Protein backbone atom coordinates (compact mmCIF):
# COMPACT_ATOMS: atom_id res chain seq x y z
CA MET A 1 12.10 -106.28 110.11
CA THR A 2 13.00 -104.80 107.25
CA ILE A 3 11.01 -107.36 105.18
CA LEU A 4 8.06 -106.82 107.98
CA HIS A 5 8.42 -103.21 107.22
CA PHE A 6 8.73 -103.30 103.58
CA VAL A 7 5.59 -105.54 103.07
CA VAL A 8 3.78 -102.50 105.50
CA GLU A 9 4.79 -100.22 103.14
CA ILE A 10 3.49 -102.40 100.16
CA ILE A 11 -0.01 -102.45 101.99
CA LEU A 12 0.12 -98.99 102.82
CA LEU A 13 0.74 -98.20 99.14
CA ALA A 14 -1.79 -100.61 97.71
CA LEU A 15 -4.56 -98.96 100.23
CA GLY A 16 -3.17 -95.34 99.26
CA PHE A 17 -3.57 -96.11 95.70
CA PHE A 18 -7.04 -98.04 95.57
CA GLY A 19 -8.15 -95.01 98.19
CA GLY A 20 -7.21 -92.28 95.88
CA PHE A 21 -8.94 -94.45 93.02
CA PHE A 22 -12.02 -94.74 94.70
CA TYR A 23 -11.71 -91.18 95.60
CA ARG A 24 -11.18 -89.73 92.34
CA LYS A 25 -14.06 -91.70 90.94
CA TYR A 26 -16.19 -90.29 93.37
CA VAL A 27 -15.21 -87.09 93.00
CA MET A 28 -15.54 -87.48 88.75
CA ASP A 29 -18.99 -88.98 89.51
CA ARG A 30 -19.67 -85.61 91.53
CA HIS A 31 -18.28 -83.88 88.94
CA GLN A 32 -20.14 -85.39 85.99
CA GLN A 33 -23.63 -84.67 87.94
CA SER A 34 -22.86 -80.87 88.31
CA LEU A 35 -21.80 -80.76 84.92
CA GLU A 36 -25.10 -82.49 83.68
CA ALA A 37 -27.47 -79.96 85.90
CA LEU A 38 -25.30 -77.22 84.51
CA GLY A 39 -25.94 -78.42 81.01
CA LYS A 40 -29.88 -78.99 81.81
CA LYS A 41 -29.27 -75.76 83.33
CA ILE A 42 -27.99 -73.46 79.99
CA LEU A 43 -29.99 -75.57 77.44
CA ASP A 44 -32.92 -74.46 79.27
CA GLU A 45 -31.53 -70.60 79.36
CA ALA A 46 -31.06 -70.83 76.01
CA ARG A 47 -34.22 -72.43 74.75
CA LYS A 48 -35.90 -69.45 76.92
CA GLU A 49 -33.72 -66.83 74.93
CA ALA A 50 -34.56 -68.39 71.88
CA ASP A 51 -38.29 -68.02 72.62
CA SER A 52 -37.83 -64.48 73.63
CA LEU A 53 -36.06 -63.88 70.37
CA ARG A 54 -38.28 -65.31 68.06
CA LYS A 55 -41.02 -63.34 69.25
CA GLU A 56 -39.04 -60.14 69.18
CA ALA A 57 -38.01 -61.39 65.58
CA LYS A 58 -42.29 -61.74 65.11
CA LEU A 59 -42.59 -58.18 66.66
CA GLN A 60 -40.00 -56.82 64.56
CA ALA A 61 -40.82 -58.54 61.52
CA LYS A 62 -44.42 -57.43 61.79
CA ASP A 63 -43.38 -53.74 62.23
CA GLN A 64 -41.05 -54.05 59.25
CA LEU A 65 -43.91 -55.13 57.24
CA LEU A 66 -46.46 -52.49 58.49
CA GLN A 67 -43.57 -49.85 57.71
CA MET A 68 -43.25 -51.11 54.40
CA LYS A 69 -46.65 -51.39 53.42
CA MET A 70 -47.43 -47.50 54.90
CA ASP A 71 -44.10 -46.53 52.55
CA PHE A 72 -45.64 -48.27 49.72
CA GLU A 73 -48.98 -46.90 49.97
CA LYS A 74 -46.96 -43.79 50.28
CA GLU A 75 -45.27 -44.06 47.10
CA THR A 76 -47.99 -45.37 45.33
CA HIS A 77 -50.38 -41.86 46.18
CA GLU A 78 -47.40 -40.31 44.94
CA ARG A 79 -47.35 -41.85 41.60
CA ARG A 80 -50.62 -41.56 41.35
CA HIS A 81 -50.58 -38.00 41.58
CA GLU A 82 -47.57 -37.93 39.28
CA THR A 83 -49.56 -39.82 36.69
CA ASN A 84 -52.54 -37.87 36.79
CA GLN A 85 -50.52 -34.35 36.55
CA LEU A 86 -48.83 -36.18 33.52
CA GLU A 87 -52.27 -36.79 31.76
CA ARG A 88 -53.59 -33.00 32.44
CA ARG A 89 -50.37 -31.96 30.68
CA LEU A 90 -51.11 -34.89 27.79
CA LEU A 91 -54.41 -33.39 27.36
CA GLN A 92 -53.37 -29.92 27.38
CA LYS A 93 -50.51 -30.59 24.78
CA GLU A 94 -52.92 -32.66 22.56
CA GLU A 95 -55.70 -29.35 22.82
CA HIS A 96 -52.85 -27.16 22.08
CA LEU A 97 -51.50 -29.55 19.10
CA GLU A 98 -55.20 -29.61 18.07
CA LYS A 99 -55.35 -25.96 17.50
CA LYS A 100 -51.98 -25.66 16.06
CA GLY A 101 -53.29 -28.09 13.36
CA ALA A 102 -56.55 -25.83 12.38
CA LEU A 103 -54.25 -23.16 12.22
CA LEU A 104 -51.49 -24.78 9.86
CA ASP A 105 -54.92 -25.69 7.89
CA GLU A 106 -55.78 -22.18 7.63
CA ARG A 107 -52.41 -20.94 6.59
CA ASP A 108 -52.28 -23.76 3.46
CA THR A 109 -55.79 -22.48 2.74
CA GLU A 110 -54.35 -19.04 2.55
CA LEU A 111 -51.32 -20.20 0.55
CA ILE A 112 -52.96 -21.65 -1.97
CA LYS A 113 -54.94 -18.69 -2.82
CA GLN A 114 -51.78 -16.29 -2.64
CA HIS A 115 -50.26 -19.06 -4.63
CA LYS A 116 -53.18 -18.90 -7.29
CA LEU A 117 -53.22 -15.31 -7.23
CA THR A 118 -49.21 -14.86 -7.90
CA ALA A 119 -49.71 -17.11 -11.05
CA ARG A 120 -52.25 -14.75 -12.20
CA GLN A 121 -50.07 -11.77 -11.58
CA GLU A 122 -47.21 -13.54 -13.43
CA GLU A 123 -49.19 -14.15 -16.28
CA GLU A 124 -50.27 -10.49 -16.10
CA LEU A 125 -46.40 -9.29 -15.93
CA LYS A 126 -45.75 -11.85 -19.02
CA VAL A 127 -48.19 -10.32 -20.90
CA GLN A 128 -47.08 -6.72 -20.15
CA THR A 129 -43.22 -7.82 -20.73
CA GLU A 130 -44.11 -8.66 -24.12
CA ARG A 131 -46.04 -5.55 -24.37
CA TYR A 132 -43.31 -3.42 -23.46
CA GLN A 133 -40.39 -5.05 -25.62
CA HIS A 134 -42.70 -4.62 -28.65
CA LEU A 135 -43.10 -0.97 -27.84
CA VAL A 136 -39.20 -0.61 -27.07
CA ALA A 137 -38.39 -2.44 -30.03
CA GLU A 138 -41.00 0.26 -32.37
CA GLN A 139 -39.59 3.37 -30.28
CA ASN A 140 -35.88 2.22 -31.18
CA ALA A 141 -36.77 1.80 -35.16
CA ARG A 142 -38.11 5.19 -34.90
CA LEU A 143 -35.32 6.91 -33.45
CA GLU A 144 -32.63 4.95 -35.78
CA GLN A 145 -35.03 5.97 -38.38
CA LEU A 146 -35.22 9.60 -37.18
CA ALA A 147 -31.51 9.91 -36.41
CA GLY A 148 -30.02 8.00 -39.30
CA MET A 149 -27.58 5.49 -37.15
CA SER A 150 -28.39 1.97 -35.91
CA ALA A 151 -28.11 1.09 -32.14
CA THR A 152 -24.92 0.17 -32.40
CA GLU A 153 -23.50 2.96 -33.91
CA ALA A 154 -25.22 5.11 -31.57
CA LYS A 155 -24.01 3.21 -28.20
CA GLU A 156 -20.62 3.57 -29.91
CA HIS A 157 -20.89 7.51 -30.14
CA LEU A 158 -22.36 7.71 -26.80
CA LEU A 159 -19.60 5.75 -25.50
CA GLN A 160 -16.61 7.57 -27.67
CA SER A 161 -18.47 10.96 -25.86
CA MET A 162 -17.76 9.56 -22.49
CA GLU A 163 -14.39 8.40 -22.91
CA ARG A 164 -13.32 11.98 -24.21
CA GLU A 165 -14.62 13.51 -21.08
CA ILE A 166 -13.76 11.22 -18.84
CA ARG A 167 -10.18 11.81 -20.21
CA ALA A 168 -10.49 15.38 -20.48
CA ASP A 169 -11.56 15.06 -16.20
CA ALA A 170 -8.64 12.49 -15.91
CA ALA A 171 -5.93 15.01 -17.34
CA ARG A 172 -7.27 17.85 -15.48
CA LEU A 173 -7.55 15.73 -12.28
CA VAL A 174 -3.87 14.50 -12.96
CA LYS A 175 -2.40 18.34 -13.78
CA ARG A 176 -4.39 19.27 -10.00
CA ILE A 177 -2.61 16.47 -8.21
CA GLU A 178 0.65 17.13 -9.72
CA ALA A 179 0.27 20.73 -9.08
CA GLU A 180 -0.20 20.27 -5.60
CA ALA A 181 2.24 17.44 -4.97
CA ARG A 182 4.62 19.79 -6.59
CA GLU A 183 3.83 22.72 -4.79
CA HIS A 184 3.80 21.01 -1.42
CA GLY A 185 7.37 19.14 -2.24
CA ASP A 186 8.71 22.28 -3.32
CA ARG A 187 7.30 23.75 -0.04
CA LYS A 188 8.89 21.31 2.08
CA ALA A 189 12.20 20.79 0.25
CA LYS A 190 12.30 25.00 0.77
CA ASP A 191 11.62 24.44 4.54
CA ILE A 192 14.25 21.88 4.76
CA ILE A 193 17.11 23.87 2.63
CA ALA A 194 15.87 27.18 5.16
CA LEU A 195 16.48 25.26 7.91
CA ALA A 196 19.52 24.07 7.30
CA ILE A 197 21.02 27.34 5.84
CA LYS A 198 19.88 28.71 9.24
CA ARG A 199 21.20 26.27 12.11
CA TYR A 200 24.60 26.71 9.83
CA ALA A 201 25.95 30.07 9.25
CA SER A 202 29.50 30.35 7.96
CA ASP A 203 31.80 33.14 6.79
CA TYR A 204 30.47 34.25 3.54
CA VAL A 205 34.47 34.77 1.96
CA ALA A 206 36.48 31.31 2.63
CA GLU A 207 40.09 31.13 3.22
CA GLN A 208 42.37 31.00 0.29
CA THR A 209 45.98 29.52 -0.28
CA VAL A 210 48.57 32.48 -0.73
CA SER A 211 50.64 32.24 -3.83
CA VAL A 212 52.44 35.09 -3.42
CA VAL A 213 55.60 35.57 -1.05
CA ALA A 214 56.25 38.92 0.09
CA LEU A 215 60.11 40.21 0.55
CA PRO A 216 61.43 42.53 2.56
CA ASN A 217 63.49 44.81 0.23
CA LYS A 218 64.71 44.28 -3.56
CA GLU A 219 67.84 42.87 -3.00
CA MET A 220 66.48 39.73 -1.63
CA LYS A 221 65.53 39.05 -5.08
CA GLY A 222 69.07 38.57 -5.92
CA ARG A 223 69.85 36.50 -2.81
CA ILE A 224 66.58 34.19 -3.88
CA ILE A 225 68.20 33.54 -7.59
CA GLY A 226 71.80 33.21 -6.42
CA ARG A 227 75.12 32.79 -8.10
CA GLU A 228 74.01 31.79 -11.72
CA GLY A 229 70.80 31.03 -10.59
CA ARG A 230 71.62 28.16 -8.77
CA ASN A 231 69.57 28.97 -5.40
CA ILE A 232 66.23 29.43 -7.50
CA ARG A 233 67.00 25.89 -9.48
CA ALA A 234 67.48 24.63 -5.98
CA LEU A 235 64.45 25.32 -4.56
CA GLU A 236 62.53 24.66 -7.52
CA ALA A 237 63.75 21.29 -7.68
CA ALA A 238 63.22 20.43 -4.08
CA THR A 239 60.04 21.59 -4.17
CA GLY A 240 58.51 21.11 -7.24
CA VAL A 241 57.29 24.64 -7.97
CA ASP A 242 57.59 27.23 -10.59
CA ILE A 243 59.24 30.72 -8.89
CA ILE A 244 58.27 33.30 -11.07
CA ILE A 245 60.34 36.61 -10.25
CA ASP A 246 59.56 39.27 -12.42
CA ASP A 247 58.97 43.47 -12.09
CA THR A 248 56.69 43.00 -9.60
CA PRO A 249 58.19 44.91 -6.44
CA GLU A 250 59.02 43.08 -3.64
CA ALA A 251 57.15 39.88 -4.05
CA VAL A 252 57.85 36.84 -5.91
CA ILE A 253 54.81 34.30 -7.05
CA LEU A 254 54.70 30.76 -6.55
CA SER A 255 52.96 28.56 -9.41
CA ALA A 256 52.14 24.88 -9.26
CA PHE A 257 49.26 22.40 -9.76
CA ASN A 258 49.56 21.20 -6.62
CA PRO A 259 48.69 23.30 -3.68
CA VAL A 260 50.56 21.41 -1.11
CA ARG A 261 53.46 21.70 -3.12
CA ARG A 262 52.94 25.28 -3.35
CA GLU A 263 52.41 25.69 0.29
CA VAL A 264 55.53 23.91 1.50
CA ALA A 265 57.32 26.67 -1.08
CA ARG A 266 55.82 29.16 0.29
CA ARG A 267 56.53 28.11 4.05
CA SER A 268 60.45 27.18 3.13
CA LEU A 269 60.66 30.64 1.33
CA GLU A 270 59.36 32.35 3.69
CA ARG A 271 61.87 30.97 6.23
CA LEU A 272 64.85 31.12 4.17
CA ILE A 273 63.97 34.99 3.94
CA SER A 274 63.37 35.18 7.83
CA ASP A 275 67.22 33.11 8.34
CA GLY A 276 68.88 34.99 5.72
CA ARG A 277 71.15 32.23 4.62
CA ILE A 278 70.17 31.02 1.17
CA HIS A 279 72.16 28.22 -0.49
CA PRO A 280 71.48 24.80 -1.89
CA GLY A 281 72.52 23.01 1.42
CA ARG A 282 70.31 24.95 3.37
CA ILE A 283 67.20 24.82 1.05
CA GLU A 284 67.50 21.21 0.77
CA GLU A 285 67.29 21.24 4.60
CA ILE A 286 64.77 23.63 5.33
CA VAL A 287 62.20 21.80 2.66
CA GLU A 288 62.73 18.32 4.08
CA LYS A 289 61.95 19.86 7.57
CA VAL A 290 58.83 21.89 6.45
CA THR A 291 57.65 18.95 4.52
CA LEU A 292 57.40 16.72 8.07
CA GLU A 293 56.01 19.71 9.52
CA LEU A 294 53.29 20.00 6.99
CA GLU A 295 52.34 16.83 6.98
CA VAL A 296 51.71 16.82 10.87
CA SER A 297 49.99 19.92 10.15
CA ILE A 298 47.53 18.24 7.12
CA ARG A 299 47.03 15.27 9.52
CA GLU A 300 45.66 17.41 12.60
CA ALA A 301 43.91 19.60 9.96
CA GLY A 302 42.20 16.74 9.28
CA GLU A 303 41.22 15.13 12.54
CA GLU A 304 40.07 18.59 13.45
CA ALA A 305 38.02 18.78 10.77
CA ALA A 306 36.92 15.22 11.25
CA PHE A 307 36.05 16.04 15.18
CA ASP A 308 34.60 19.31 14.74
CA ALA A 309 31.97 17.39 12.36
CA GLY A 310 31.05 14.52 14.32
CA VAL A 311 32.46 11.80 11.95
CA HIS A 312 34.33 9.22 13.95
CA GLY A 313 36.49 6.09 12.95
CA ILE A 314 37.61 7.63 9.32
CA HIS A 315 40.50 5.91 7.97
CA PRO A 316 43.83 7.50 9.07
CA GLU A 317 44.94 7.69 4.91
CA LEU A 318 41.40 9.40 4.23
CA VAL A 319 42.03 11.82 7.52
CA LYS A 320 45.18 12.82 5.75
CA LEU A 321 43.90 13.27 2.37
CA LEU A 322 41.09 15.33 4.21
CA GLY A 323 43.56 17.69 5.81
CA LYS A 324 45.39 17.98 2.37
CA LEU A 325 41.74 19.78 1.23
CA LYS A 326 42.90 22.81 3.42
CA PHE A 327 45.08 23.88 0.76
CA ARG A 328 43.15 22.78 -2.29
CA THR A 329 40.28 25.54 -3.53
CA SER A 330 37.59 25.46 -5.88
CA TYR A 331 36.53 28.79 -7.79
CA ALA A 332 38.71 30.55 -4.25
CA GLN A 333 36.17 28.42 -1.89
CA ASN A 334 38.32 26.46 0.36
CA VAL A 335 37.51 22.63 -0.14
CA LEU A 336 37.74 21.51 3.34
CA GLN A 337 35.41 24.30 5.01
CA HIS A 338 33.41 23.57 1.90
CA SER A 339 33.48 19.57 2.85
CA VAL A 340 32.17 20.46 6.70
CA GLU A 341 29.50 22.76 5.58
CA VAL A 342 27.97 19.90 3.37
CA CYS A 343 28.68 17.79 6.46
CA TYR A 344 26.47 20.16 8.47
CA LEU A 345 23.68 20.47 5.67
CA CYS A 346 23.49 17.17 5.24
CA GLY A 347 23.22 16.01 8.67
CA ILE A 348 20.57 18.66 9.65
CA MET A 349 18.48 17.85 6.17
CA ALA A 350 18.87 14.08 7.15
CA ALA A 351 17.52 14.85 10.60
CA GLU A 352 14.69 16.31 9.02
CA LEU A 353 13.82 13.64 6.89
CA GLY A 354 13.99 11.11 9.11
CA LEU A 355 17.32 9.60 7.65
CA ASN A 356 20.62 7.96 9.42
CA VAL A 357 22.39 11.39 10.28
CA LYS A 358 25.79 9.68 10.89
CA HIS A 359 25.77 8.50 7.40
CA ALA A 360 24.32 11.35 5.70
CA LYS A 361 27.29 13.53 7.97
CA ARG A 362 30.17 10.59 6.96
CA ALA A 363 29.24 11.10 3.03
CA GLY A 364 29.01 15.01 2.86
CA LEU A 365 32.18 15.04 5.09
CA LEU A 366 34.10 12.94 2.55
CA HIS A 367 32.27 13.74 -0.65
CA ASP A 368 35.09 15.94 -2.39
CA ILE A 369 37.77 13.32 -0.95
CA GLY A 370 39.13 13.02 -4.40
CA LYS A 371 40.19 16.47 -4.94
CA ALA A 372 43.02 15.74 -2.92
CA VAL A 373 44.49 13.51 -5.83
CA ASP A 374 42.46 14.13 -8.47
CA GLN A 375 46.07 16.34 -10.13
CA GLU A 376 47.69 12.98 -9.47
CA SER A 377 45.33 10.76 -11.00
CA GLU A 378 43.30 10.68 -14.26
CA GLY A 379 39.26 10.97 -14.13
CA VAL A 380 36.79 12.93 -12.32
CA HIS A 381 37.26 13.61 -8.37
CA ALA A 382 33.92 12.07 -7.79
CA LEU A 383 34.68 8.43 -8.78
CA ILE A 384 38.31 8.89 -7.25
CA GLY A 385 37.09 10.04 -4.37
CA ALA A 386 34.45 6.95 -4.53
CA ASP A 387 37.49 4.46 -5.04
CA LEU A 388 39.31 6.21 -2.30
CA ALA A 389 36.47 5.95 0.36
CA LYS A 390 35.89 1.83 -1.06
CA ARG A 391 39.50 0.84 -0.79
CA HIS A 392 39.29 2.22 2.83
CA GLY A 393 36.26 0.28 4.28
CA GLU A 394 33.73 2.93 3.72
CA SER A 395 29.95 1.64 3.35
CA PRO A 396 28.62 1.04 0.00
CA LYS A 397 25.94 3.62 0.79
CA VAL A 398 28.55 6.52 1.29
CA VAL A 399 30.69 5.28 -1.47
CA HIS A 400 28.01 5.40 -3.85
CA ALA A 401 26.78 9.04 -2.67
CA ILE A 402 30.42 10.30 -3.09
CA ALA A 403 30.69 8.84 -6.52
CA ALA A 404 26.94 10.79 -7.53
CA HIS A 405 27.62 13.72 -6.10
CA HIS A 406 27.77 15.11 -9.66
CA GLU A 407 26.02 12.68 -11.18
CA ASP A 408 28.95 10.96 -12.88
CA VAL A 409 26.75 7.98 -11.81
CA PRO A 410 22.92 8.19 -11.34
CA PRO A 411 21.85 8.36 -7.97
CA GLU A 412 20.03 5.37 -6.44
CA ASN A 413 19.19 6.55 -2.98
CA ILE A 414 17.96 9.24 -1.25
CA LEU A 415 21.24 9.72 0.75
CA ALA A 416 23.35 10.28 -2.76
CA VAL A 417 20.46 13.11 -3.63
CA LEU A 418 21.03 14.53 -0.20
CA VAL A 419 24.59 14.88 -0.98
CA GLN A 420 24.10 16.91 -4.36
CA ALA A 421 21.56 19.18 -2.89
CA ALA A 422 23.96 20.13 0.25
CA ASP A 423 26.84 20.33 -2.09
CA THR A 424 24.90 22.87 -4.53
CA LEU A 425 23.63 24.53 -1.62
CA SER A 426 27.09 25.09 -0.19
CA GLY A 427 28.78 26.23 -3.36
CA ALA A 428 25.69 28.22 -4.62
CA ARG A 429 25.28 30.64 -1.96
CA PRO A 430 26.13 34.42 -2.26
CA GLY A 431 30.17 35.14 -1.67
CA ALA A 432 30.91 31.36 -1.39
CA ARG A 433 32.83 31.07 -5.19
CA ARG A 434 33.74 33.66 -7.50
CA GLU A 435 33.54 33.44 -11.13
CA MET A 436 35.43 35.21 -13.69
CA LEU A 437 33.30 38.04 -15.44
CA GLU A 438 34.38 36.34 -18.89
CA THR A 439 33.67 32.96 -17.78
CA TYR A 440 30.25 34.14 -16.12
CA VAL A 441 28.91 36.66 -19.58
CA LYS A 442 29.88 33.68 -21.88
CA ARG A 443 27.31 31.20 -19.50
CA LEU A 444 24.77 33.77 -20.19
CA GLU A 445 25.35 34.27 -23.75
CA ASP A 446 25.44 30.47 -24.19
CA LEU A 447 22.39 29.72 -22.23
CA GLU A 448 20.06 32.84 -24.03
CA ARG A 449 21.60 31.47 -27.60
CA VAL A 450 20.19 27.56 -26.44
CA ALA A 451 16.83 29.07 -25.81
CA LEU A 452 16.82 31.39 -29.11
CA SER A 453 17.38 27.74 -30.96
CA PHE A 454 13.70 27.28 -30.90
CA GLY A 455 11.19 28.57 -33.14
CA GLY A 456 8.42 31.27 -31.97
CA ILE A 457 10.67 32.65 -29.40
CA SER A 458 10.81 36.32 -29.40
CA LYS A 459 12.93 37.19 -26.42
CA THR A 460 14.78 35.48 -24.09
CA TYR A 461 16.31 36.85 -20.47
CA ALA A 462 18.49 35.07 -18.34
CA ILE A 463 18.22 36.14 -14.61
CA GLN A 464 19.25 35.47 -11.14
CA ALA A 465 22.79 35.03 -11.89
CA GLY A 466 21.82 32.45 -14.87
CA ARG A 467 19.65 30.44 -12.28
CA GLU A 468 16.78 31.41 -14.52
CA ILE A 469 15.90 32.23 -18.17
CA ARG A 470 12.68 33.50 -19.47
CA LEU A 471 11.12 33.15 -22.89
CA ILE A 472 8.59 35.29 -24.42
CA VAL A 473 6.85 33.30 -26.96
CA GLU A 474 4.64 34.35 -29.94
CA SER A 475 0.85 33.94 -29.04
CA GLU A 476 0.66 33.17 -32.38
CA LYS A 477 2.66 30.72 -33.44
CA VAL A 478 2.63 28.64 -29.91
CA ASN A 479 -0.33 27.90 -27.97
CA ASP A 480 -0.99 27.15 -24.03
CA GLU A 481 -0.32 23.50 -24.68
CA GLU A 482 2.66 24.10 -27.07
CA ALA A 483 3.99 26.39 -24.05
CA ALA A 484 4.28 23.39 -21.46
CA LEU A 485 5.88 21.62 -23.80
CA LEU A 486 8.72 24.00 -24.97
CA SER A 487 9.35 24.90 -21.66
CA ARG A 488 10.44 20.94 -21.41
CA GLU A 489 12.24 20.81 -24.33
CA VAL A 490 13.95 23.94 -23.63
CA ALA A 491 15.18 22.28 -20.22
CA LYS A 492 16.42 19.09 -22.23
CA LYS A 493 18.37 20.82 -24.37
CA ILE A 494 20.20 23.21 -21.70
CA GLU A 495 21.02 19.91 -19.83
CA ALA A 496 22.26 18.03 -23.01
CA ASP A 497 24.44 21.11 -24.14
CA LEU A 498 25.78 23.04 -21.04
CA THR A 499 27.51 22.64 -17.72
CA TYR A 500 26.35 24.88 -14.94
CA PRO A 501 26.11 24.71 -10.87
CA GLY A 502 23.02 23.67 -9.33
CA GLN A 503 19.67 23.68 -11.53
CA ILE A 504 18.22 26.47 -14.08
CA LYS A 505 14.36 27.11 -13.96
CA VAL A 506 13.08 27.54 -17.34
CA THR A 507 9.61 30.07 -17.22
CA VAL A 508 7.71 30.65 -20.48
CA ILE A 509 5.61 33.64 -21.05
CA ARG A 510 2.90 33.58 -23.68
CA GLU A 511 0.53 36.59 -23.65
CA THR A 512 -2.46 38.16 -26.06
CA ARG A 513 -2.61 41.79 -26.57
CA SER A 514 -5.55 43.49 -28.41
CA VAL A 515 -4.91 46.81 -29.15
CA GLU A 516 -7.41 49.57 -31.18
CA TYR A 517 -7.46 53.07 -31.62
CA ALA A 518 -10.31 55.40 -30.61
CA ARG A 519 -10.77 58.16 -33.29
């Protein structure tokens, strides 16, 4: 049963296999037929589409060819038009060039004619030039014969004459320019000095250092002298001042070259007189105390002067020396007050001239600093002061201005000249200084004596307190040119032989008088 069943399954499988094989073959045959029919259909459609595309391409090609033909004809027409225009322009240019050529030919012909005419004129001019030169030579020969000198000599004579005239004109011009410059410079200097005086006006009489001590009574002289003169000897030894007790009632005279020592002695003596206890021990105590107080006062005076003058940064040692000038006088003028005046005047004039005001005021304030120690050192106070300023850090300009303010060294810059002017202005103004009558008269006599040592001077007059001397010369012996030279020589002689403050004006007066009598 099982075998039969197995055989049946095999037969069924075989039937199924062959049935499927034939069915598949049938399906494939039908599919192949359908594919062939589809392919034939597609080929037909492709042939139809290709035919339609070929027809469209032919039509487009024809249209494009037609368009290109039209474009070509249009461009050809335009080119032909442009060519025609160019041809017309070329023809016009050719005609223009032909006209220019004809015009140039005419000009060439004209230039040839002018050239021939110029050549003829040059030949005529050459002939005339030769004739002119011949006539000039004949004329020169006649002139030389008539004048009695050659052309070279006449030329030299003319040049010499012109040179003399030019020199005379130049001398007059130089003289006029010098006069104008001198007048302008004098006017400007006077304006600046007047402005400085106007802006700074101080007292006419300066403070003086007192060297006489008043006594309350006659018995005080004996107490000052002491037993066997021990008090006065102790006071002189402690102060270094000579105490003169003479017949002057109720007064003691203190004599010393050092003004600070004299001030110490004056204050000490006044304090001893008011205290009443006068003996050597007390004298030494009072002198030592007064010396310390005076040092403080000196420093304060220097600081006050520097502050009032507006000059800052001065070395403390220079401030101390500046304070010492409070007790120093020059011709009865207080030197510290004089220094402050010079400081202000320098500052004012420097501002007017556009200079450094600080440097000018500093140099003016310190210009007499050497007078604080000139009695203890050898040399003139200007050089001593310059050395002190240099050692204490002052600038080279200030140092040079201090050294040159009395021309102990030649001034090298305008600051030095400015300090000289301010120093002279402060010391020479009326009432600033006192001068002994004998010294004044002697100076005037020396001035007139120097002037009379020159020949041709008949009279001399020293006027304006010796600041001007007028010389009256004999007109027969001295002419105008010699008068100008004489004034210069007299001025140089005065500078070399005399010592004087400021400057001296030398005026030479020459006059011619003609006298006749009517009878």
